[in-house]
Amino acid sequence: MANVTILQVVPRLETGGSEQSTIEIAEALARAGATPLVASEGGRMAAAVTRAGGEVIEMPMASKSPVTILANARRLARLIEERNIALVHARSRAPAWSALIAARWTKRPLVTTYHGAYGNPGPVKAVYNSVMGRGDRVIANSRYTANLIMSRQQAAGARTRVIYRGIDGAIFDPFVVPPGPVARLRETWGIAPETKVVLHAARLSGIKGQRQTIEAVRRLVQDGAFEGAVLIFVGDGREGYRQELNDLIARHGLGDKARLVGHCGDMPVAFLASHAAVVPSLVPETFGRTSIEAQAMGCPVIVSDIGALPETIVAAEHDANAFTGWLAPPGDAPALAERIKRALDLTPDERAAIGARARVRVSSKFDLGQMQAKTLAVYDELLGTKLAELFENPPLYQAAEGVGDGA
């Protein structure tokens, strides 16, 4: 097969799910023998695109100015013709408008991926958001997202494909993490070896439910049901909100039961160091990466019964024999407290069984390689190529040269 060049467009390459997916697809394309290009303003993750076998082309893709969006469309159209780009994949609204115009000018297929819910507060915003449903194929990162697309743009239904985000099983594997890093991290957090950690890993933001988690722990402490346990908040955010949470912890007398530890650079170790994880979001998530990362490490989870989060677990409320986690109504601190108590009361054998089931389910539904292959299969639908097949069975010269593995 002749070399195929695919262009992905994202605003920046700083941090986030869309940026990480961009890198993962660049790596998959390189493995399949294709040429991956990324148009972006650049950022700290640009080097990862290069290591994956891709090339970053810097453009002011983050701008929402109509003038800049049109100018970017012209730049993209020139790039498409000069580099003989076969397909364009847009992952955010402003660059998607430029990509849509350029793709129509050059008669190239366009793929869009819904990475967020994109609230519709009014008709102008609804039109702006609508570009994400105008691709020749529209990728939704969950069934919840697919239903959201259908509710807004019914015509996009036949063009929509659900592809869950995936995690790298070689990294999120409890059997490859030695005990040393776990012990050191717990020591850094000031946690005694026998203490059970309830982990809340998310950016510090009111919509992530930190206040409600503190209230749930306050209730458990009041009832004597949080002995030998501690609540750990991992994540950064606004200093004002951080201080508010610390004040709330102090006001409830939870100084020895809850603490904020900031950013953690090794989440597999963090989940392995924890007894249970909570994802108590107050607004719908379009996926729920934290939930599947925790489960991959054998850590039971409690998630809000909202958005796509229920799709990431087999709920105890739905299947008492096969469950991998619990659902809690969003914003309901008493219900969250009750679920946390259930997790803390698990025997070692019960917890191990939940973890084993969760790991099997994550590896079958949320595997990174599966996400990459399914995305390339969408490209194949439009181009008549065999990129997905080549990704799963890479050309011998690609494997020999180590393309996409950082070599």
Protein backbone atom coordinates (compact mmCIF):
# COMPACT_ATOMS: atom_id res chain seq x y z
CA MET A 1 0.00 0.00 0.00
CA ALA A 2 1.31 3.44 -0.91
CA ASN A 3 2.15 5.67 2.03
CA VAL A 4 -0.90 7.46 3.44
CA THR A 5 -0.61 10.82 5.18
CA ILE A 6 -3.14 11.67 7.91
CA LEU A 7 -3.47 15.09 9.53
CA GLN A 8 -4.82 15.56 13.06
CA VAL A 9 -5.69 19.07 14.27
CA VAL A 10 -5.82 20.14 17.93
CA PRO A 11 -5.56 23.58 19.54
CA ARG A 12 -2.48 22.92 21.69
CA LEU A 13 -0.32 20.03 22.83
CA GLU A 14 -0.11 20.88 26.51
CA THR A 15 -2.11 18.34 28.52
CA GLY A 16 -5.45 16.56 28.36
CA GLY A 17 -7.38 13.68 26.86
CA SER A 18 -7.62 14.97 23.30
CA GLU A 19 -3.88 15.67 23.25
CA GLN A 20 -3.05 12.22 24.60
CA SER A 21 -5.32 10.60 22.02
CA THR A 22 -3.61 12.61 19.29
CA ILE A 23 -0.26 11.13 20.31
CA GLU A 24 -1.68 7.62 20.56
CA ILE A 25 -3.14 7.79 17.05
CA ALA A 26 0.08 9.28 15.66
CA GLU A 27 1.89 6.28 17.12
CA ALA A 28 -0.65 3.87 15.61
CA LEU A 29 -0.35 5.49 12.18
CA ALA A 30 3.43 5.30 12.26
CA ARG A 31 3.23 1.64 13.27
CA ALA A 32 0.92 1.02 10.29
CA GLY A 33 3.44 2.62 7.92
CA ALA A 34 1.47 5.84 7.43
CA THR A 35 2.71 9.42 7.88
CA PRO A 36 1.12 11.20 10.87
CA LEU A 37 1.00 15.00 10.90
CA VAL A 38 -0.37 17.18 13.70
CA ALA A 39 -1.33 20.83 13.22
CA SER A 40 -1.30 22.65 16.55
CA GLU A 41 0.12 25.62 18.42
CA GLY A 42 2.56 23.17 20.02
CA GLY A 43 3.23 22.70 23.70
CA ARG A 44 4.91 20.40 26.20
CA MET A 45 3.51 17.25 24.56
CA ALA A 46 4.80 18.13 21.08
CA ALA A 47 7.96 16.14 21.69
CA ALA A 48 5.82 13.07 22.40
CA VAL A 49 4.27 13.38 18.92
CA THR A 50 7.74 13.35 17.43
CA ARG A 51 8.78 10.36 19.53
CA ALA A 52 5.64 8.56 18.33
CA GLY A 53 6.76 8.98 14.74
CA GLY A 54 4.73 12.07 13.87
CA GLU A 55 5.49 15.62 12.79
CA VAL A 56 4.10 18.77 14.42
CA ILE A 57 3.23 21.70 12.17
CA GLU A 58 2.71 24.84 14.19
CA MET A 59 -0.31 26.99 13.42
CA PRO A 60 -2.49 29.25 15.62
CA MET A 61 -5.11 26.51 15.93
CA ALA A 62 -6.39 27.54 19.38
CA SER A 63 -7.81 30.86 18.24
CA LYS A 64 -11.60 31.22 18.14
CA SER A 65 -11.44 34.38 16.03
CA PRO A 66 -13.44 33.93 12.79
CA VAL A 67 -10.66 35.73 10.91
CA THR A 68 -8.01 33.34 12.25
CA ILE A 69 -10.23 30.30 11.70
CA LEU A 70 -10.60 31.25 8.02
CA ALA A 71 -6.88 31.96 7.72
CA ASN A 72 -6.14 28.57 9.27
CA ALA A 73 -8.48 26.95 6.74
CA ARG A 74 -6.37 28.44 3.94
CA ARG A 75 -3.17 27.25 5.63
CA LEU A 76 -4.59 23.76 6.06
CA ALA A 77 -5.80 23.61 2.46
CA ARG A 78 -2.30 24.50 1.24
CA LEU A 79 -0.80 21.90 3.56
CA ILE A 80 -3.25 19.25 2.37
CA GLU A 81 -2.29 19.84 -1.26
CA GLU A 82 1.45 20.19 -0.63
CA ARG A 83 1.75 17.06 1.53
CA ASN A 84 -0.94 15.05 -0.29
CA ILE A 85 -2.87 14.52 2.92
CA ALA A 86 -5.55 11.85 2.52
CA LEU A 87 -7.74 12.61 5.54
CA VAL A 88 -8.13 15.22 8.28
CA HIS A 89 -9.10 14.40 11.88
CA ALA A 90 -10.27 17.29 14.10
CA ARG A 91 -10.47 17.00 17.89
CA SER A 92 -11.71 20.42 19.02
CA ARG A 93 -14.23 22.99 17.82
CA ALA A 94 -12.16 25.97 16.63
CA PRO A 95 -9.68 23.86 14.63
CA ALA A 96 -12.56 21.69 13.44
CA TRP A 97 -14.12 24.68 11.66
CA SER A 98 -10.83 25.34 9.86
CA ALA A 99 -10.49 21.64 9.08
CA LEU A 100 -14.06 21.39 7.77
CA ILE A 101 -13.58 24.31 5.39
CA ALA A 102 -10.19 23.05 4.21
CA ALA A 103 -11.46 19.49 3.77
CA ARG A 104 -14.41 20.66 1.68
CA TRP A 105 -12.18 22.91 -0.46
CA THR A 106 -9.75 20.07 -1.14
CA LYS A 107 -12.40 17.30 -1.29
CA ARG A 108 -10.78 15.29 1.51
CA PRO A 109 -12.75 13.32 4.12
CA LEU A 110 -13.06 14.75 7.63
CA VAL A 111 -13.26 12.83 10.89
CA THR A 112 -14.25 14.55 14.14
CA THR A 113 -14.01 13.26 17.70
CA TYR A 114 -16.31 14.39 20.49
CA HIS A 115 -14.00 14.65 23.52
CA GLY A 116 -16.41 16.76 25.61
CA ALA A 117 -20.10 17.47 26.16
CA TYR A 118 -19.93 21.00 24.66
CA GLY A 119 -22.85 22.60 26.50
CA ASN A 120 -25.44 24.43 24.36
CA PRO A 121 -26.42 27.58 26.29
CA GLY A 122 -27.82 29.37 23.24
CA PRO A 123 -28.31 29.26 19.46
CA VAL A 124 -24.94 30.85 18.61
CA LYS A 125 -23.04 28.37 20.77
CA ALA A 126 -25.13 25.52 19.34
CA VAL A 127 -24.03 26.46 15.82
CA TYR A 128 -20.40 26.74 16.95
CA ASN A 129 -20.59 23.29 18.60
CA SER A 130 -22.33 21.72 15.60
CA VAL A 131 -19.07 21.41 13.67
CA MET A 132 -18.17 18.39 15.81
CA GLY A 133 -21.09 16.50 14.29
CA ARG A 134 -20.32 17.45 10.68
CA GLY A 135 -17.50 15.02 10.01
CA ASP A 136 -17.86 12.31 7.39
CA ARG A 137 -17.36 10.10 10.44
CA VAL A 138 -17.96 11.26 14.01
CA ILE A 139 -16.22 9.40 16.81
CA ALA A 140 -17.93 9.38 20.21
CA ASN A 141 -15.88 8.34 23.23
CA SER A 142 -18.86 6.65 24.94
CA ARG A 143 -22.47 5.64 24.36
CA TYR A 144 -23.49 8.63 26.45
CA THR A 145 -21.62 10.92 24.05
CA ALA A 146 -23.14 9.19 21.03
CA ASN A 147 -26.64 9.76 22.43
CA LEU A 148 -25.75 13.39 23.09
CA ILE A 149 -24.69 13.82 19.46
CA MET A 150 -27.92 12.20 18.27
CA SER A 151 -30.03 14.49 20.46
CA ARG A 152 -28.40 17.54 18.89
CA GLN A 153 -27.78 16.39 15.32
CA GLN A 154 -29.91 13.40 14.44
CA ALA A 155 -28.47 13.31 10.92
CA ALA A 156 -25.07 12.47 12.40
CA GLY A 157 -26.34 9.17 13.81
CA ALA A 158 -25.43 6.99 10.83
CA ARG A 159 -21.97 8.56 10.69
CA THR A 160 -21.22 8.13 14.41
CA ARG A 161 -18.93 5.41 15.75
CA VAL A 162 -18.47 4.70 19.48
CA ILE A 163 -14.81 4.14 20.36
CA TYR A 164 -13.93 4.12 24.05
CA ARG A 165 -10.67 5.68 25.11
CA GLY A 166 -8.06 3.12 26.07
CA ILE A 167 -5.24 2.77 28.54
CA ASP A 168 -1.89 1.07 28.13
CA GLY A 169 -2.07 -2.27 29.89
CA ALA A 170 1.72 -2.45 30.03
CA ILE A 171 1.70 0.62 32.31
CA PHE A 172 -1.53 0.11 34.25
CA ASP A 173 -0.70 -3.39 35.49
CA PRO A 174 -0.47 -4.15 39.21
CA PHE A 175 1.93 -7.00 38.55
CA VAL A 176 4.66 -4.80 37.03
CA VAL A 177 4.80 -2.23 39.86
CA PRO A 178 7.31 -3.26 42.55
CA PRO A 179 6.43 -2.67 46.22
CA GLY A 180 9.14 -0.03 46.69
CA PRO A 181 7.43 2.85 44.85
CA VAL A 182 4.12 2.12 46.60
CA ALA A 183 5.71 2.27 50.03
CA ARG A 184 7.61 5.46 49.15
CA LEU A 185 4.48 7.19 47.84
CA ARG A 186 2.50 6.31 50.96
CA GLU A 187 5.38 7.60 53.05
CA THR A 188 5.35 10.86 51.05
CA TRP A 189 1.63 11.16 51.76
CA GLY A 190 2.28 10.48 55.46
CA ILE A 191 0.27 7.25 55.43
CA ALA A 192 1.04 4.37 57.80
CA PRO A 193 1.45 0.97 56.08
CA GLU A 194 -1.80 -0.48 57.45
CA THR A 195 -3.96 2.58 56.73
CA LYS A 196 -6.58 2.23 54.00
CA VAL A 197 -6.48 5.02 51.41
CA VAL A 198 -9.64 6.32 49.75
CA LEU A 199 -8.34 8.15 46.68
CA HIS A 200 -10.04 11.06 44.94
CA ALA A 201 -7.92 11.78 41.84
CA ALA A 202 -9.12 14.75 39.79
CA ARG A 203 -8.28 18.36 39.13
CA LEU A 204 -9.37 20.58 41.99
CA SER A 205 -12.70 21.88 40.74
CA GLY A 206 -16.14 22.12 42.31
CA ILE A 207 -17.66 19.98 39.56
CA LYS A 208 -15.42 17.06 40.56
CA GLY A 209 -17.21 16.67 43.89
CA GLN A 210 -14.42 17.27 46.42
CA ARG A 211 -16.77 19.09 48.84
CA GLN A 212 -19.23 16.19 48.80
CA THR A 213 -16.44 13.67 49.40
CA ILE A 214 -15.29 15.61 52.46
CA GLU A 215 -18.87 15.65 53.74
CA ALA A 216 -19.14 11.89 53.15
CA VAL A 217 -15.99 11.28 55.19
CA ARG A 218 -17.21 13.64 57.93
CA ARG A 219 -20.34 11.47 58.26
CA LEU A 220 -18.29 8.28 58.36
CA VAL A 221 -15.96 9.67 61.02
CA GLN A 222 -18.95 10.81 63.07
CA ASP A 223 -20.36 7.27 62.90
CA GLY A 224 -17.01 5.68 63.76
CA ALA A 225 -16.91 4.03 60.32
CA PHE A 226 -13.66 5.56 59.05
CA GLU A 227 -11.19 4.12 61.54
CA GLY A 228 -7.88 3.13 59.99
CA ALA A 229 -8.64 5.05 56.78
CA VAL A 230 -7.66 8.35 55.21
CA LEU A 231 -8.99 10.38 52.28
CA ILE A 232 -6.34 11.56 49.80
CA PHE A 233 -7.03 14.21 47.16
CA VAL A 234 -4.64 14.03 44.20
CA GLY A 235 -4.72 16.89 41.71
CA ASP A 236 -3.98 20.56 41.16
CA GLY A 237 -6.31 23.50 40.74
CA ARG A 238 -7.03 27.08 41.70
CA GLU A 239 -5.33 28.12 44.91
CA GLY A 240 -8.56 29.69 46.19
CA TYR A 241 -10.47 26.42 45.86
CA ARG A 242 -7.60 24.47 47.41
CA GLN A 243 -7.71 26.77 50.41
CA GLU A 244 -11.49 26.39 50.63
CA LEU A 245 -11.12 22.60 50.79
CA ASN A 246 -8.39 22.81 53.42
CA ASP A 247 -10.59 25.14 55.47
CA LEU A 248 -13.51 22.70 55.14
CA ILE A 249 -11.32 19.82 56.32
CA ALA A 250 -10.15 21.86 59.32
CA ARG A 251 -13.66 23.06 60.19
CA HIS A 252 -14.88 19.46 60.36
CA GLY A 253 -11.87 18.36 62.43
CA LEU A 254 -10.65 16.02 59.70
CA GLY A 255 -7.00 17.08 59.72
CA ASP A 256 -5.84 13.51 60.34
CA LYS A 257 -8.45 11.97 58.02
CA ALA A 258 -8.24 13.99 54.79
CA ARG A 259 -5.45 15.78 52.98
CA LEU A 260 -4.61 17.38 49.64
CA VAL A 261 -1.30 16.14 48.22
CA GLY A 262 -1.20 17.95 44.87
CA HIS A 263 -0.11 16.44 41.57
CA CYS A 264 0.97 12.81 41.35
CA GLY A 265 3.22 11.82 38.46
CA ASP A 266 2.74 8.06 38.84
CA MET A 267 -0.96 7.22 38.92
CA PRO A 268 -0.51 3.42 38.57
CA VAL A 269 1.40 3.52 41.86
CA ALA A 270 -1.21 5.84 43.41
CA PHE A 271 -4.06 3.46 42.60
CA LEU A 272 -2.05 0.46 43.77
CA ALA A 273 -1.43 2.28 47.06
CA SER A 274 -5.16 2.82 47.56
CA HIS A 275 -7.96 0.65 48.91
CA ALA A 276 -10.71 2.33 46.87
CA ALA A 277 -11.12 5.26 44.47
CA VAL A 278 -13.99 7.72 44.15
CA VAL A 279 -15.08 9.61 41.01
CA PRO A 280 -18.04 11.62 42.37
CA SER A 281 -18.47 14.09 39.49
CA LEU A 282 -21.40 16.50 39.76
CA VAL A 283 -21.78 17.03 36.00
CA PRO A 284 -21.82 14.42 33.21
CA GLU A 285 -18.44 13.10 32.12
CA THR A 286 -18.21 12.01 28.50
CA PHE A 287 -15.93 9.17 29.52
CA GLY A 288 -14.19 8.45 32.84
CA ARG A 289 -10.52 7.63 32.44
CA THR A 290 -9.82 7.72 36.19
CA SER A 291 -12.34 4.95 36.74
CA ILE A 292 -10.78 2.54 34.27
CA GLU A 293 -7.24 3.36 35.40
CA ALA A 294 -8.16 2.51 38.99
CA GLN A 295 -9.86 -0.73 37.97
CA ALA A 296 -6.89 -1.75 35.82
CA MET A 297 -4.80 -1.57 39.00
CA GLY A 298 -7.32 -3.71 40.90
CA CYS A 299 -8.68 -0.77 42.89
CA PRO A 300 -12.49 -0.82 43.38
CA VAL A 301 -14.25 2.40 42.36
CA ILE A 302 -17.30 4.43 43.31
CA VAL A 303 -18.57 6.64 40.48
CA SER A 304 -21.43 9.08 40.02
CA ASP A 305 -24.49 7.68 38.29
CA ILE A 306 -24.32 10.32 35.59
CA GLY A 307 -22.97 10.74 32.06
CA ALA A 308 -20.64 8.00 30.80
CA LEU A 309 -19.26 7.00 34.20
CA PRO A 310 -21.74 4.09 34.63
CA GLU A 311 -20.38 2.63 31.37
CA THR A 312 -16.95 2.20 32.96
CA ILE A 313 -18.07 -0.28 35.63
CA VAL A 314 -20.31 -3.25 36.27
CA ALA A 315 -22.36 -1.77 39.09
CA ALA A 316 -23.02 -3.68 42.30
CA GLU A 317 -26.56 -2.35 42.08
CA HIS A 318 -27.02 -4.17 38.76
CA ASP A 319 -25.08 -7.41 39.24
CA ALA A 320 -24.20 -8.55 42.75
CA ASN A 321 -21.97 -11.35 41.47
CA ALA A 322 -19.97 -9.66 38.71
CA PHE A 323 -19.69 -6.10 39.96
CA THR A 324 -16.51 -4.04 39.71
CA GLY A 325 -17.71 -0.89 41.51
CA TRP A 326 -20.60 1.13 42.90
CA LEU A 327 -22.82 3.93 41.62
CA ALA A 328 -23.79 6.92 43.74
CA PRO A 329 -26.26 9.69 42.89
CA PRO A 330 -24.28 12.84 42.03
CA GLY A 331 -24.03 15.31 44.90
CA ASP A 332 -25.50 12.85 47.42
CA ALA A 333 -22.95 12.82 50.27
CA PRO A 334 -24.87 10.32 52.46
CA ALA A 335 -25.08 7.84 49.57
CA LEU A 336 -21.39 8.34 48.79
CA ALA A 337 -20.55 7.71 52.45
CA GLU A 338 -22.53 4.47 52.39
CA ARG A 339 -20.64 3.25 49.28
CA ILE A 340 -17.27 4.18 50.79
CA LYS A 341 -18.18 2.18 53.90
CA ARG A 342 -19.00 -0.83 51.73
CA ALA A 343 -15.60 -0.58 50.06
CA LEU A 344 -13.78 -0.22 53.39
CA ASP A 345 -15.64 -3.25 54.79
CA LEU A 346 -14.52 -5.59 51.99
CA THR A 347 -12.48 -8.57 53.10
CA PRO A 348 -9.12 -9.02 51.35
CA ASP A 349 -10.55 -11.92 49.33
CA GLU A 350 -13.64 -9.92 48.30
CA ARG A 351 -11.53 -6.96 47.25
CA ALA A 352 -9.13 -9.19 45.29
CA ALA A 353 -12.06 -10.80 43.45
CA ILE A 354 -13.47 -7.39 42.49
CA GLY A 355 -10.04 -6.28 41.29
CA ALA A 356 -9.56 -9.41 39.19
CA ARG A 357 -12.93 -8.97 37.50
CA ALA A 358 -12.23 -5.30 36.89
CA ARG A 359 -8.86 -5.96 35.27
CA VAL A 360 -10.37 -8.50 32.88
CA ARG A 361 -13.15 -6.11 31.88
CA VAL A 362 -10.83 -3.14 31.38
CA SER A 363 -8.46 -5.18 29.22
CA SER A 364 -11.36 -6.36 27.04
CA LYS A 365 -13.22 -3.04 26.63
CA PHE A 366 -10.79 -0.20 27.30
CA ASP A 367 -7.47 -1.35 25.83
CA LEU A 368 -5.29 1.26 24.14
CA GLY A 369 -4.44 -0.98 21.18
CA GLN A 370 -8.13 -1.66 20.62
CA MET A 371 -8.87 2.10 20.60
CA GLN A 372 -6.07 2.70 18.12
CA ALA A 373 -7.14 -0.10 15.78
CA LYS A 374 -10.79 0.99 15.82
CA THR A 375 -9.84 4.59 15.01
CA LEU A 376 -7.69 3.48 12.08
CA ALA A 377 -10.61 1.31 10.93
CA VAL A 378 -12.70 4.49 10.71
CA TYR A 379 -10.05 5.98 8.43
CA ASP A 380 -10.18 2.78 6.38
CA GLU A 381 -13.95 3.17 5.94
CA LEU A 382 -13.40 6.49 4.23
CA LEU A 383 -10.17 5.78 2.35
CA GLY A 384 -10.49 2.12 1.39
CA THR A 385 -7.10 1.47 3.03
CA LYS A 386 -5.96 -1.26 5.44
CA LEU A 387 -4.42 0.84 8.18
CA ALA A 388 -6.07 -1.09 11.03
CA GLU A 389 -4.79 -4.38 9.64
CA LEU A 390 -1.30 -2.98 9.17
CA PHE A 391 -1.32 -1.57 12.70
CA GLU A 392 -2.11 -4.98 14.15
CA ASN A 393 0.37 -6.68 11.79
CA PRO A 394 2.98 -3.99 11.07
CA PRO A 395 5.27 -4.21 8.05
CA LEU A 396 8.49 -6.01 8.87
CA TYR A 397 10.67 -2.98 8.14
CA GLN A 398 8.58 -0.88 10.54
CA ALA A 399 8.97 -3.40 13.33
CA ALA A 400 12.68 -3.70 12.65
CA GLU A 401 13.22 0.06 12.77
CA GLY A 402 11.10 0.46 15.93
CA VAL A 403 8.86 3.17 14.49
CA GLY A 404 6.51 4.60 17.10
CA ASP A 405 8.29 3.12 20.14
CA GLY A 406 10.50 6.11 20.78
CA ALA A 407 13.49 4.59 18.94
